């Protein structure tokens, strides 16, 4: 169903950095180059430093080297307030629409009791059906917070289809590489991508995900 579509995969910081790790793995594996940065006065008031060089926090839209119908979006942070999130989401969706994108797939985390490794939600019945056909169970209820939820939810307002994939995580780890690996495995099958996920194998061994004492209804 997605072979003829132009997809933008978005993964931004959230619970366990799951979406961000997955998006950055894709950007590296697919040899992406930056095509557009996004800055916001609603980002945390700090700069990111690497090897002595300081840079403003930003999100970055990237294009794979050999994939004409795919874009990747990642970033340093999410805006600190609701108006900032809506503003940045609008800028991103307008930009990807101008690039010709038809579908936005966001990557996030799910904290709650479930036997599924990856859950999904979509803004239209056809996309939801495509997820179930690819053995991705649908999220029955709840809320997907932050930009990872807004980018998918606002997509129809820009004439795009929105999908969110959520990997299960305990929510207790600041970085959950195993959960990111589960998202990547789902994306690999869904979009028929050539990805070598063996580097994640040490983290992807079966692990017990502890159920939280209180279920977080804002999955992200």
N, C-alpha and C. Protein backbone atom coordinates (compact mmCIF):
# COMPACT_ATOMS: atom_id res chain seq x y z
N UNK A 1 0.82 -1.22 0.00
CA UNK A 1 0.00 0.00 0.00
C UNK A 1 0.85 1.26 0.00
N UNK A 2 2.06 1.16 0.54
CA UNK A 2 2.89 2.35 0.68
C UNK A 2 3.95 2.48 -0.43
N UNK A 3 4.00 1.51 -1.35
CA UNK A 3 5.04 1.52 -2.37
C UNK A 3 4.98 2.77 -3.24
N UNK A 4 3.79 3.24 -3.56
CA UNK A 4 3.64 4.39 -4.46
C UNK A 4 3.48 5.71 -3.71
N UNK A 5 3.65 5.69 -2.40
CA UNK A 5 3.47 6.89 -1.58
C UNK A 5 4.81 7.57 -1.31
N UNK A 6 4.77 8.83 -0.98
CA UNK A 6 5.96 9.60 -0.59
C UNK A 6 5.87 9.77 0.93
N UNK A 7 6.77 9.10 1.65
CA UNK A 7 6.67 9.00 3.11
C UNK A 7 7.68 9.90 3.81
N UNK A 8 7.25 10.54 4.88
CA UNK A 8 8.16 11.22 5.79
C UNK A 8 8.08 10.52 7.15
N UNK A 9 9.20 9.95 7.59
CA UNK A 9 9.26 9.28 8.89
C UNK A 9 9.81 10.26 9.91
N UNK A 10 9.07 10.48 10.99
CA UNK A 10 9.45 11.46 12.00
C UNK A 10 9.70 10.78 13.34
N UNK A 11 10.83 11.07 13.95
CA UNK A 11 11.12 10.54 15.28
C UNK A 11 11.79 11.61 16.13
N UNK A 12 11.09 12.08 17.13
CA UNK A 12 11.59 13.17 17.97
C UNK A 12 11.72 12.71 19.42
N UNK A 13 12.49 13.42 20.23
CA UNK A 13 12.71 13.00 21.62
C UNK A 13 11.40 12.79 22.37
N UNK A 14 11.35 11.74 23.17
CA UNK A 14 10.18 11.43 23.98
C UNK A 14 10.56 10.37 24.98
N UNK A 15 9.62 9.58 25.42
CA UNK A 15 9.88 8.53 26.41
C UNK A 15 10.93 7.55 25.87
N UNK A 16 11.99 7.37 26.62
CA UNK A 16 13.05 6.45 26.23
C UNK A 16 13.81 6.85 24.99
N UNK A 17 13.58 8.06 24.49
CA UNK A 17 14.19 8.53 23.23
C UNK A 17 13.95 7.53 22.10
N UNK A 18 12.87 6.77 22.20
CA UNK A 18 12.62 5.67 21.26
C UNK A 18 12.50 6.16 19.82
N UNK A 19 11.65 7.15 19.58
CA UNK A 19 11.46 7.65 18.22
C UNK A 19 12.69 8.31 17.66
N UNK A 20 13.38 9.09 18.49
CA UNK A 20 14.59 9.79 18.04
C UNK A 20 15.68 8.80 17.65
N UNK A 21 15.90 7.78 18.46
CA UNK A 21 16.93 6.78 18.17
C UNK A 21 16.61 6.09 16.85
N UNK A 22 15.36 5.71 16.65
CA UNK A 22 14.97 5.01 15.43
C UNK A 22 15.17 5.91 14.21
N UNK A 23 14.76 7.17 14.30
CA UNK A 23 14.90 8.09 13.17
C UNK A 23 16.37 8.33 12.84
N UNK A 24 17.20 8.48 13.86
CA UNK A 24 18.61 8.74 13.61
C UNK A 24 19.31 7.50 13.05
N UNK A 25 18.87 6.31 13.46
CA UNK A 25 19.40 5.08 12.87
C UNK A 25 19.06 5.04 11.38
N UNK A 26 17.83 5.39 11.04
CA UNK A 26 17.43 5.42 9.64
C UNK A 26 18.25 6.44 8.86
N UNK A 27 18.45 7.62 9.45
CA UNK A 27 19.20 8.67 8.77
C UNK A 27 20.63 8.22 8.47
N UNK A 28 21.24 7.50 9.40
CA UNK A 28 22.60 7.01 9.20
C UNK A 28 22.63 5.87 8.20
N UNK A 29 21.73 4.89 8.37
CA UNK A 29 21.71 3.71 7.51
C UNK A 29 21.42 4.07 6.06
N UNK A 30 20.54 5.05 5.86
CA UNK A 30 20.13 5.43 4.50
C UNK A 30 20.97 6.57 3.94
N UNK A 31 22.03 6.93 4.66
CA UNK A 31 22.98 7.97 4.21
C UNK A 31 22.25 9.26 3.83
N UNK A 32 21.53 9.79 4.81
CA UNK A 32 20.73 10.99 4.57
C UNK A 32 21.58 12.27 4.60
N UNK A 33 21.13 13.24 3.85
CA UNK A 33 21.72 14.58 3.89
C UNK A 33 20.64 15.57 4.29
N UNK A 34 21.03 16.61 4.99
CA UNK A 34 20.07 17.60 5.48
C UNK A 34 19.56 18.47 4.35
N UNK A 35 18.24 18.71 4.34
CA UNK A 35 17.68 19.60 3.33
C UNK A 35 16.98 20.82 3.96
N UNK A 36 16.62 20.71 5.26
CA UNK A 36 15.98 21.87 5.89
C UNK A 36 16.00 21.75 7.40
N UNK A 37 16.55 22.77 8.11
CA UNK A 37 16.47 22.77 9.57
C UNK A 37 15.24 23.56 10.03
N UNK A 38 14.76 23.25 11.23
CA UNK A 38 13.64 23.97 11.82
C UNK A 38 14.08 24.47 13.20
N UNK A 39 13.99 25.77 13.41
CA UNK A 39 14.33 26.37 14.70
C UNK A 39 13.07 26.89 15.37
N UNK A 40 13.11 27.01 16.68
CA UNK A 40 11.94 27.49 17.41
C UNK A 40 12.37 28.18 18.70
N UNK A 41 11.74 29.32 18.99
CA UNK A 41 12.01 30.02 20.25
C UNK A 41 11.37 29.29 21.42
N UNK A 42 10.61 28.22 21.14
CA UNK A 42 9.97 27.43 22.18
C UNK A 42 10.82 26.22 22.60
N UNK A 43 11.96 26.03 21.94
CA UNK A 43 12.87 24.97 22.36
C UNK A 43 13.50 25.34 23.70
N UNK A 44 14.03 24.38 24.45
CA UNK A 44 14.74 24.70 25.70
C UNK A 44 15.83 25.74 25.44
N UNK A 45 16.05 26.65 26.40
CA UNK A 45 17.02 27.74 26.22
C UNK A 45 18.46 27.26 26.42
N UNK A 46 18.97 26.53 25.47
CA UNK A 46 20.33 26.02 25.55
C UNK A 46 20.83 25.67 24.16
N UNK A 47 22.12 25.44 24.06
CA UNK A 47 22.71 25.02 22.79
C UNK A 47 23.27 23.61 22.97
N UNK A 48 23.42 22.91 21.85
CA UNK A 48 24.01 21.59 21.86
C UNK A 48 25.48 21.73 21.49
N UNK A 49 26.36 21.09 22.27
CA UNK A 49 27.80 21.20 22.04
C UNK A 49 28.37 19.84 21.64
N UNK A 50 29.14 19.81 20.56
CA UNK A 50 29.81 18.60 20.10
C UNK A 50 31.21 18.96 19.65
N UNK A 51 32.20 18.32 20.27
CA UNK A 51 33.60 18.57 19.94
C UNK A 51 33.94 20.06 20.01
N UNK A 52 33.37 20.73 21.01
CA UNK A 52 33.68 22.14 21.23
C UNK A 52 32.86 23.11 20.39
N UNK A 53 32.01 22.60 19.49
CA UNK A 53 31.21 23.47 18.63
C UNK A 53 29.78 23.53 19.16
N UNK A 54 29.26 24.74 19.30
CA UNK A 54 27.91 24.94 19.83
C UNK A 54 26.93 25.25 18.70
N UNK A 55 25.74 24.66 18.81
CA UNK A 55 24.70 24.88 17.80
C UNK A 55 23.35 24.98 18.47
N UNK A 56 22.49 25.84 17.92
CA UNK A 56 21.14 25.97 18.45
C UNK A 56 20.38 24.66 18.30
N UNK A 57 19.51 24.38 19.27
CA UNK A 57 18.63 23.23 19.15
C UNK A 57 17.74 23.38 17.92
N UNK A 58 17.52 22.30 17.21
CA UNK A 58 16.69 22.36 16.02
C UNK A 58 16.21 20.97 15.64
N UNK A 59 15.22 20.94 14.77
CA UNK A 59 14.80 19.71 14.11
C UNK A 59 15.35 19.76 12.70
N UNK A 60 15.49 18.59 12.07
CA UNK A 60 16.17 18.54 10.78
C UNK A 60 15.46 17.59 9.83
N UNK A 61 15.12 18.09 8.65
CA UNK A 61 14.52 17.27 7.61
C UNK A 61 15.63 16.76 6.70
N UNK A 62 15.65 15.45 6.46
CA UNK A 62 16.75 14.83 5.72
C UNK A 62 16.24 13.95 4.58
N UNK A 63 17.06 13.86 3.54
CA UNK A 63 16.72 13.05 2.38
C UNK A 63 17.73 11.90 2.22
N UNK A 64 17.25 10.65 2.10
CA UNK A 64 18.15 9.53 1.87
C UNK A 64 18.88 9.65 0.54
N UNK A 65 20.04 9.05 0.47
CA UNK A 65 20.87 9.14 -0.72
C UNK A 65 20.23 8.48 -1.94
N UNK A 66 19.57 7.35 -1.75
CA UNK A 66 19.05 6.60 -2.89
C UNK A 66 17.55 6.32 -2.79
N UNK A 67 16.83 7.10 -2.01
CA UNK A 67 15.38 6.91 -1.88
C UNK A 67 14.68 8.22 -2.25
N UNK A 68 14.03 8.24 -3.41
CA UNK A 68 13.39 9.46 -3.87
C UNK A 68 12.05 9.72 -3.20
N UNK A 69 11.45 8.68 -2.64
CA UNK A 69 10.10 8.83 -2.07
C UNK A 69 10.11 8.70 -0.54
N UNK A 70 11.21 9.15 0.09
CA UNK A 70 11.32 9.03 1.54
C UNK A 70 12.09 10.21 2.12
N UNK A 71 11.57 10.75 3.22
CA UNK A 71 12.27 11.77 3.99
C UNK A 71 12.32 11.32 5.45
N UNK A 72 13.32 11.80 6.18
CA UNK A 72 13.44 11.48 7.61
C UNK A 72 13.51 12.79 8.38
N UNK A 73 12.79 12.86 9.50
CA UNK A 73 12.85 14.03 10.37
C UNK A 73 13.26 13.61 11.77
N UNK A 74 14.26 14.28 12.31
CA UNK A 74 14.66 14.06 13.69
C UNK A 74 14.94 15.42 14.32
N UNK A 75 15.32 15.42 15.60
CA UNK A 75 15.56 16.70 16.24
C UNK A 75 16.17 16.57 17.61
N UNK A 76 16.62 17.71 18.13
CA UNK A 76 17.29 17.75 19.43
C UNK A 76 16.31 17.75 20.59
N UNK A 77 15.11 18.32 20.38
CA UNK A 77 14.17 18.49 21.49
C UNK A 77 12.78 18.74 20.94
N UNK A 78 11.81 18.76 21.83
CA UNK A 78 10.47 19.20 21.50
C UNK A 78 10.22 20.55 22.18
N UNK A 79 9.35 21.39 21.60
CA UNK A 79 9.02 22.67 22.24
C UNK A 79 8.50 22.45 23.66
N UNK A 80 8.71 23.46 24.50
CA UNK A 80 8.37 23.34 25.92
C UNK A 80 6.90 23.60 26.21
N UNK A 81 6.16 24.18 25.26
CA UNK A 81 4.76 24.50 25.53
C UNK A 81 3.88 24.11 24.35
N UNK A 82 2.58 24.11 24.59
CA UNK A 82 1.61 23.67 23.59
C UNK A 82 1.61 24.58 22.35
N UNK A 83 1.56 25.93 22.50
CA UNK A 83 1.58 26.76 21.29
C UNK A 83 2.82 26.51 20.44
N UNK A 84 3.96 26.30 21.09
CA UNK A 84 5.18 26.03 20.34
C UNK A 84 5.11 24.73 19.58
N UNK A 85 4.49 23.72 20.18
CA UNK A 85 4.35 22.43 19.50
C UNK A 85 3.48 22.55 18.26
N UNK A 86 2.34 23.26 18.38
CA UNK A 86 1.46 23.44 17.23
C UNK A 86 2.13 24.26 16.14
N UNK A 87 2.85 25.28 16.54
CA UNK A 87 3.54 26.13 15.57
C UNK A 87 4.59 25.35 14.78
N UNK A 88 5.42 24.60 15.50
CA UNK A 88 6.48 23.83 14.83
C UNK A 88 5.89 22.71 13.98
N UNK A 89 4.86 22.04 14.49
CA UNK A 89 4.22 20.97 13.72
C UNK A 89 3.69 21.51 12.40
N UNK A 90 3.09 22.71 12.44
CA UNK A 90 2.57 23.31 11.22
C UNK A 90 3.68 23.63 10.22
N UNK A 91 4.79 24.16 10.72
CA UNK A 91 5.92 24.47 9.84
C UNK A 91 6.47 23.21 9.18
N UNK A 92 6.59 22.15 9.97
CA UNK A 92 7.13 20.90 9.43
C UNK A 92 6.20 20.30 8.39
N UNK A 93 4.91 20.25 8.70
CA UNK A 93 3.96 19.65 7.76
C UNK A 93 3.85 20.47 6.47
N UNK A 94 3.91 21.77 6.57
CA UNK A 94 3.89 22.60 5.37
C UNK A 94 5.12 22.34 4.51
N UNK A 95 6.26 22.19 5.16
CA UNK A 95 7.51 21.95 4.44
C UNK A 95 7.51 20.60 3.74
N UNK A 96 7.05 19.55 4.44
CA UNK A 96 7.07 18.22 3.81
C UNK A 96 6.03 18.14 2.69
N UNK A 97 4.93 18.86 2.85
CA UNK A 97 3.93 18.90 1.78
C UNK A 97 4.53 19.53 0.53
N UNK A 98 5.30 20.59 0.69
CA UNK A 98 5.95 21.24 -0.44
C UNK A 98 6.94 20.31 -1.13
N UNK A 99 7.50 19.36 -0.37
CA UNK A 99 8.44 18.40 -0.94
C UNK A 99 7.72 17.28 -1.70
N UNK A 100 6.39 17.21 -1.56
CA UNK A 100 5.63 16.18 -2.25
C UNK A 100 5.20 15.01 -1.39
N UNK A 101 5.45 15.10 -0.09
CA UNK A 101 5.09 14.02 0.83
C UNK A 101 3.58 13.79 0.84
N UNK A 102 3.19 12.52 0.92
CA UNK A 102 1.76 12.17 0.98
C UNK A 102 1.38 11.56 2.33
N UNK A 103 2.36 10.93 3.01
CA UNK A 103 2.09 10.24 4.27
C UNK A 103 3.16 10.60 5.31
N UNK A 104 2.72 10.86 6.52
CA UNK A 104 3.62 11.14 7.63
C UNK A 104 3.52 9.99 8.63
N UNK A 105 4.64 9.34 8.91
CA UNK A 105 4.68 8.26 9.90
C UNK A 105 5.55 8.70 11.07
N UNK A 106 4.96 8.84 12.24
CA UNK A 106 5.74 9.24 13.41
C UNK A 106 6.06 8.01 14.26
N UNK A 107 7.19 8.08 14.95
CA UNK A 107 7.68 6.98 15.77
C UNK A 107 7.67 7.41 17.22
N UNK A 108 7.06 6.62 18.09
CA UNK A 108 6.89 7.02 19.48
C UNK A 108 6.97 5.80 20.40
N UNK A 109 6.70 6.04 21.68
CA UNK A 109 6.77 4.98 22.69
C UNK A 109 5.40 4.79 23.34
N UNK A 110 5.16 3.56 23.78
CA UNK A 110 3.92 3.24 24.49
C UNK A 110 4.27 2.68 25.86
N UNK A 111 3.70 3.29 26.88
CA UNK A 111 3.89 2.81 28.25
C UNK A 111 2.54 2.31 28.76
N UNK A 112 2.41 1.03 28.95
CA UNK A 112 1.14 0.46 29.39
C UNK A 112 1.15 -1.04 29.26
N UNK A 113 0.10 -1.67 29.70
CA UNK A 113 0.02 -3.13 29.67
C UNK A 113 -0.47 -3.60 28.31
N UNK A 114 0.36 -4.38 27.64
CA UNK A 114 0.00 -4.96 26.35
C UNK A 114 0.96 -6.10 26.03
N UNK A 115 0.51 -7.04 25.23
CA UNK A 115 1.37 -8.14 24.79
C UNK A 115 2.03 -7.81 23.46
N UNK A 116 1.63 -6.71 22.84
CA UNK A 116 2.18 -6.32 21.54
C UNK A 116 3.48 -5.55 21.71
N UNK A 117 4.42 -5.81 20.81
CA UNK A 117 5.69 -5.09 20.84
C UNK A 117 5.57 -3.72 20.19
N UNK A 118 4.71 -3.63 19.18
CA UNK A 118 4.48 -2.37 18.47
C UNK A 118 2.99 -2.20 18.24
N UNK A 119 2.51 -0.99 18.50
CA UNK A 119 1.11 -0.64 18.26
C UNK A 119 1.05 0.48 17.24
N UNK A 120 -0.12 0.67 16.64
CA UNK A 120 -0.25 1.71 15.64
C UNK A 120 -1.56 2.45 15.73
N UNK A 121 -1.57 3.65 15.16
CA UNK A 121 -2.79 4.44 15.03
C UNK A 121 -2.69 5.22 13.73
N UNK A 122 -3.82 5.49 13.11
CA UNK A 122 -3.81 6.18 11.82
C UNK A 122 -4.98 7.15 11.74
N UNK A 123 -4.89 8.10 10.81
CA UNK A 123 -5.93 9.12 10.68
C UNK A 123 -7.00 8.75 9.66
N UNK A 124 -6.88 7.60 9.02
CA UNK A 124 -7.93 7.18 8.09
C UNK A 124 -8.03 5.66 8.09
N UNK A 125 -9.20 5.13 7.75
CA UNK A 125 -9.43 3.68 7.82
C UNK A 125 -8.49 2.86 6.94
N UNK A 126 -8.12 3.37 5.76
CA UNK A 126 -7.25 2.61 4.86
C UNK A 126 -5.88 2.38 5.48
N UNK A 127 -5.34 3.41 6.10
CA UNK A 127 -4.03 3.26 6.74
C UNK A 127 -4.12 2.33 7.94
N UNK A 128 -5.19 2.45 8.69
CA UNK A 128 -5.38 1.56 9.84
C UNK A 128 -5.46 0.11 9.38
N UNK A 129 -6.16 -0.13 8.27
CA UNK A 129 -6.27 -1.48 7.74
C UNK A 129 -4.91 -1.99 7.27
N UNK A 130 -4.11 -1.09 6.68
CA UNK A 130 -2.77 -1.48 6.21
C UNK A 130 -1.88 -1.88 7.37
N UNK A 131 -2.04 -1.23 8.51
CA UNK A 131 -1.26 -1.60 9.68
C UNK A 131 -1.61 -3.00 10.16
N UNK A 132 -2.91 -3.28 10.25
CA UNK A 132 -3.32 -4.61 10.72
C UNK A 132 -2.89 -5.69 9.73
N UNK A 133 -2.91 -5.36 8.44
CA UNK A 133 -2.47 -6.33 7.43
C UNK A 133 -0.98 -6.64 7.57
N UNK A 134 -0.24 -5.71 8.17
CA UNK A 134 1.19 -5.91 8.39
C UNK A 134 1.48 -6.33 9.83
N UNK A 135 0.47 -6.92 10.46
CA UNK A 135 0.61 -7.49 11.81
C UNK A 135 0.96 -6.46 12.88
N UNK A 136 0.51 -5.22 12.68
CA UNK A 136 0.68 -4.18 13.69
C UNK A 136 -0.69 -3.94 14.32
N UNK A 137 -0.82 -4.26 15.59
CA UNK A 137 -2.10 -4.09 16.28
C UNK A 137 -2.41 -2.61 16.47
N UNK A 138 -3.69 -2.27 16.43
CA UNK A 138 -4.09 -0.88 16.58
C UNK A 138 -4.25 -0.51 18.05
N UNK A 139 -3.83 0.70 18.37
CA UNK A 139 -4.04 1.24 19.72
C UNK A 139 -5.53 1.52 19.87
N UNK A 140 -6.15 0.92 20.87
CA UNK A 140 -7.60 0.99 21.00
C UNK A 140 -8.08 2.30 21.63
N UNK A 141 -7.29 2.85 22.54
CA UNK A 141 -7.72 4.08 23.20
C UNK A 141 -6.50 4.76 23.81
N UNK A 142 -6.70 5.98 24.31
CA UNK A 142 -5.60 6.71 24.93
C UNK A 142 -5.28 7.97 24.16
N UNK A 143 -4.10 8.51 24.40
CA UNK A 143 -3.66 9.74 23.75
C UNK A 143 -2.18 9.63 23.41
N UNK A 144 -1.79 10.24 22.29
CA UNK A 144 -0.38 10.27 21.89
C UNK A 144 0.08 11.71 22.01
N UNK A 145 0.91 11.98 23.00
CA UNK A 145 1.28 13.35 23.31
C UNK A 145 2.47 13.87 22.54
N UNK A 146 2.65 15.19 22.56
CA UNK A 146 3.81 15.81 21.96
C UNK A 146 3.78 15.84 20.44
N UNK A 147 4.92 16.22 19.85
CA UNK A 147 5.00 16.34 18.40
C UNK A 147 4.79 15.02 17.68
N UNK A 148 5.20 13.92 18.30
CA UNK A 148 5.00 12.63 17.66
C UNK A 148 3.52 12.32 17.48
N UNK A 149 2.68 12.87 18.33
CA UNK A 149 1.24 12.73 18.15
C UNK A 149 0.68 13.80 17.23
N UNK A 150 1.11 15.06 17.44
CA UNK A 150 0.56 16.17 16.66
C UNK A 150 0.88 16.07 15.17
N UNK A 151 2.11 15.66 14.83
CA UNK A 151 2.47 15.59 13.42
C UNK A 151 1.57 14.60 12.67
N UNK A 152 1.25 13.49 13.31
CA UNK A 152 0.34 12.53 12.68
C UNK A 152 -1.09 13.06 12.70
N UNK A 153 -1.52 13.61 13.84
CA UNK A 153 -2.90 14.06 13.97
C UNK A 153 -3.25 15.25 13.11
N UNK A 154 -2.29 16.17 12.92
CA UNK A 154 -2.55 17.36 12.11
C UNK A 154 -2.34 17.12 10.62
N UNK A 155 -1.76 16.00 10.25
CA UNK A 155 -1.44 15.73 8.84
C UNK A 155 -2.63 15.92 7.90
N UNK A 156 -3.85 15.43 8.24
CA UNK A 156 -4.98 15.59 7.31
C UNK A 156 -5.31 17.06 7.01
N UNK A 157 -5.00 17.97 7.92
CA UNK A 157 -5.26 19.38 7.66
C UNK A 157 -4.37 19.92 6.55
N UNK A 158 -3.33 19.20 6.22
CA UNK A 158 -2.42 19.60 5.16
C UNK A 158 -2.54 18.67 3.95
N UNK A 159 -3.62 17.90 3.93
CA UNK A 159 -3.86 17.00 2.82
C UNK A 159 -3.01 15.75 2.84
N UNK A 160 -2.47 15.40 4.02
CA UNK A 160 -1.61 14.23 4.17
C UNK A 160 -2.29 13.17 5.04
N UNK A 161 -1.78 11.96 4.95
CA UNK A 161 -2.24 10.89 5.84
C UNK A 161 -1.28 10.77 7.01
N UNK A 162 -1.82 10.53 8.19
CA UNK A 162 -0.98 10.44 9.37
C UNK A 162 -1.04 9.06 10.01
N UNK A 163 0.14 8.57 10.40
CA UNK A 163 0.27 7.28 11.08
C UNK A 163 1.24 7.44 12.23
N UNK A 164 0.97 6.77 13.34
CA UNK A 164 1.92 6.74 14.45
C UNK A 164 2.16 5.29 14.84
N UNK A 165 3.44 4.93 14.93
CA UNK A 165 3.84 3.62 15.40
C UNK A 165 4.47 3.78 16.78
N UNK A 166 4.05 2.94 17.73
CA UNK A 166 4.51 3.06 19.11
C UNK A 166 5.10 1.75 19.58
N UNK A 167 6.32 1.80 20.05
CA UNK A 167 6.98 0.60 20.59
C UNK A 167 6.77 0.55 22.09
N UNK A 168 6.50 -0.63 22.62
CA UNK A 168 6.29 -0.77 24.05
C UNK A 168 7.60 -0.58 24.81
N UNK A 169 7.53 0.11 25.91
CA UNK A 169 8.68 0.36 26.77
C UNK A 169 8.20 0.52 28.20
N UNK A 170 9.10 0.28 29.13
CA UNK A 170 8.72 0.42 30.54
C UNK A 170 8.59 1.88 30.95
N UNK A 171 9.27 2.75 30.22
CA UNK A 171 9.26 4.17 30.58
C UNK A 171 10.24 4.51 31.69
N UNK A 172 10.94 3.51 32.20
CA UNK A 172 11.86 3.74 33.31
C UNK A 172 13.29 4.03 32.86
N UNK A 173 13.59 3.73 31.59
CA UNK A 173 14.94 3.95 31.08
C UNK A 173 15.00 5.23 30.26
N UNK A 174 16.04 6.06 30.46
CA UNK A 174 16.16 7.28 29.67
C UNK A 174 16.40 7.00 28.19
N UNK A 175 17.02 5.85 27.89
CA UNK A 175 17.26 5.44 26.51
C UNK A 175 16.90 3.96 26.37
N UNK A 176 15.96 3.67 25.50
CA UNK A 176 15.53 2.27 25.29
C UNK A 176 15.84 1.88 23.85
N UNK A 177 17.03 1.34 23.63
CA UNK A 177 17.46 0.97 22.28
C UNK A 177 16.67 -0.23 21.78
N UNK A 178 16.33 -1.15 22.67
CA UNK A 178 15.56 -2.33 22.25
C UNK A 178 14.21 -1.93 21.68
N UNK A 179 13.54 -0.97 22.32
CA UNK A 179 12.24 -0.51 21.82
C UNK A 179 12.40 0.18 20.47
N UNK A 180 13.47 0.96 20.31
CA UNK A 180 13.74 1.59 19.02
C UNK A 180 13.95 0.53 17.95
N UNK A 181 14.62 -0.55 18.32
CA UNK A 181 14.83 -1.65 17.38
C UNK A 181 13.52 -2.28 16.93
N UNK A 182 12.56 -2.37 17.85
CA UNK A 182 11.26 -2.93 17.48
C UNK A 182 10.54 -2.02 16.49
N UNK A 183 10.67 -0.71 16.67
CA UNK A 183 10.09 0.23 15.71
C UNK A 183 10.74 0.07 14.34
N UNK A 184 12.06 -0.04 14.33
CA UNK A 184 12.79 -0.17 13.07
C UNK A 184 12.41 -1.45 12.34
N UNK A 185 12.23 -2.53 13.09
CA UNK A 185 11.82 -3.79 12.47
C UNK A 185 10.44 -3.65 11.82
N UNK A 186 9.53 -2.93 12.49
CA UNK A 186 8.19 -2.71 11.95
C UNK A 186 8.24 -1.84 10.69
N UNK A 187 9.04 -0.78 10.74
CA UNK A 187 9.18 0.12 9.60
C UNK A 187 9.82 -0.61 8.42
N UNK A 188 10.80 -1.44 8.71
CA UNK A 188 11.49 -2.21 7.66
C UNK A 188 10.50 -3.05 6.87
N UNK A 189 9.60 -3.74 7.59
CA UNK A 189 8.62 -4.59 6.93
C UNK A 189 7.52 -3.76 6.25
N UNK A 190 7.09 -2.70 6.92
CA UNK A 190 5.99 -1.89 6.39
C UNK A 190 6.36 -1.22 5.08
N UNK A 191 7.58 -0.71 4.99
CA UNK A 191 8.01 0.04 3.81
C UNK A 191 8.98 -0.73 2.92
N UNK A 192 9.25 -1.99 3.29
CA UNK A 192 10.16 -2.84 2.51
C UNK A 192 11.53 -2.17 2.35
N UNK A 193 12.10 -1.72 3.45
CA UNK A 193 13.40 -1.07 3.42
C UNK A 193 14.51 -2.08 3.65
N UNK A 194 15.65 -1.82 3.05
CA UNK A 194 16.82 -2.67 3.27
C UNK A 194 17.61 -2.08 4.44
N UNK A 195 17.42 -2.66 5.61
CA UNK A 195 18.09 -2.19 6.82
C UNK A 195 18.80 -3.35 7.50
N UNK A 196 20.01 -3.11 7.94
CA UNK A 196 20.74 -4.11 8.70
C UNK A 196 20.58 -3.79 10.18
N UNK A 197 19.74 -4.54 10.85
CA UNK A 197 19.44 -4.29 12.27
C UNK A 197 20.26 -5.17 13.20
N UNK A 198 21.24 -5.90 12.65
CA UNK A 198 22.03 -6.81 13.49
C UNK A 198 22.82 -6.06 14.56
N UNK A 199 23.17 -4.81 14.28
CA UNK A 199 23.92 -4.04 15.27
C UNK A 199 23.10 -3.83 16.53
N UNK A 200 21.77 -3.93 16.41
CA UNK A 200 20.89 -3.74 17.56
C UNK A 200 20.58 -5.05 18.27
N UNK A 201 21.07 -6.17 17.74
CA UNK A 201 20.75 -7.48 18.29
C UNK A 201 21.05 -7.62 19.78
N UNK A 202 22.20 -7.13 20.27
CA UNK A 202 22.47 -7.27 21.71
C UNK A 202 21.41 -6.61 22.59
N UNK A 203 20.75 -5.56 22.03
CA UNK A 203 19.74 -4.85 22.81
C UNK A 203 18.34 -5.41 22.57
N UNK A 204 18.19 -6.19 21.50
CA UNK A 204 16.87 -6.67 21.10
C UNK A 204 16.53 -8.03 21.67
N UNK A 205 17.41 -8.60 22.50
CA UNK A 205 17.09 -9.87 23.13
C UNK A 205 15.85 -9.73 23.98
N UNK A 206 15.13 -10.80 24.08
CA UNK A 206 13.86 -10.75 24.82
C UNK A 206 14.07 -10.22 26.23
N UNK A 207 13.29 -9.24 26.59
CA UNK A 207 13.40 -8.66 27.92
C UNK A 207 12.02 -8.47 28.50
N UNK A 208 11.97 -8.48 29.79
CA UNK A 208 10.69 -8.31 30.48
C UNK A 208 10.44 -6.84 30.69
N UNK A 209 9.32 -6.35 30.18
CA UNK A 209 8.95 -4.95 30.33
C UNK A 209 8.04 -4.82 31.54
N UNK A 210 8.53 -4.15 32.53
CA UNK A 210 7.75 -4.00 33.76
C UNK A 210 6.58 -3.06 33.53
N UNK A 211 5.42 -3.47 33.99
CA UNK A 211 4.26 -2.60 33.87
C UNK A 211 4.39 -1.46 34.85
N UNK A 212 4.12 -0.21 34.41
CA UNK A 212 4.23 0.93 35.31
C UNK A 212 3.15 0.90 36.37
N UNK A 213 3.43 1.53 37.49
CA UNK A 213 2.44 1.57 38.55
C UNK A 213 1.22 2.38 38.12
N UNK A 214 1.45 3.40 37.29
CA UNK A 214 0.36 4.18 36.72
C UNK A 214 0.56 4.25 35.22
N UNK A 215 -0.48 3.94 34.44
CA UNK A 215 -0.35 3.95 33.00
C UNK A 215 -0.32 5.40 32.49
N UNK A 216 0.69 5.71 31.68
CA UNK A 216 0.82 7.04 31.09
C UNK A 216 -0.10 7.13 29.89
N UNK A 217 -1.11 7.97 29.95
CA UNK A 217 -2.06 8.08 28.86
C UNK A 217 -1.57 9.01 27.76
N UNK A 218 -0.39 9.62 27.92
CA UNK A 218 0.18 10.47 26.89
C UNK A 218 1.39 9.78 26.30
N UNK A 219 1.13 8.82 25.43
CA UNK A 219 2.21 8.04 24.84
C UNK A 219 2.98 8.94 23.87
N UNK A 220 4.32 8.82 23.86
CA UNK A 220 5.08 9.70 22.97
C UNK A 220 6.48 9.17 22.75
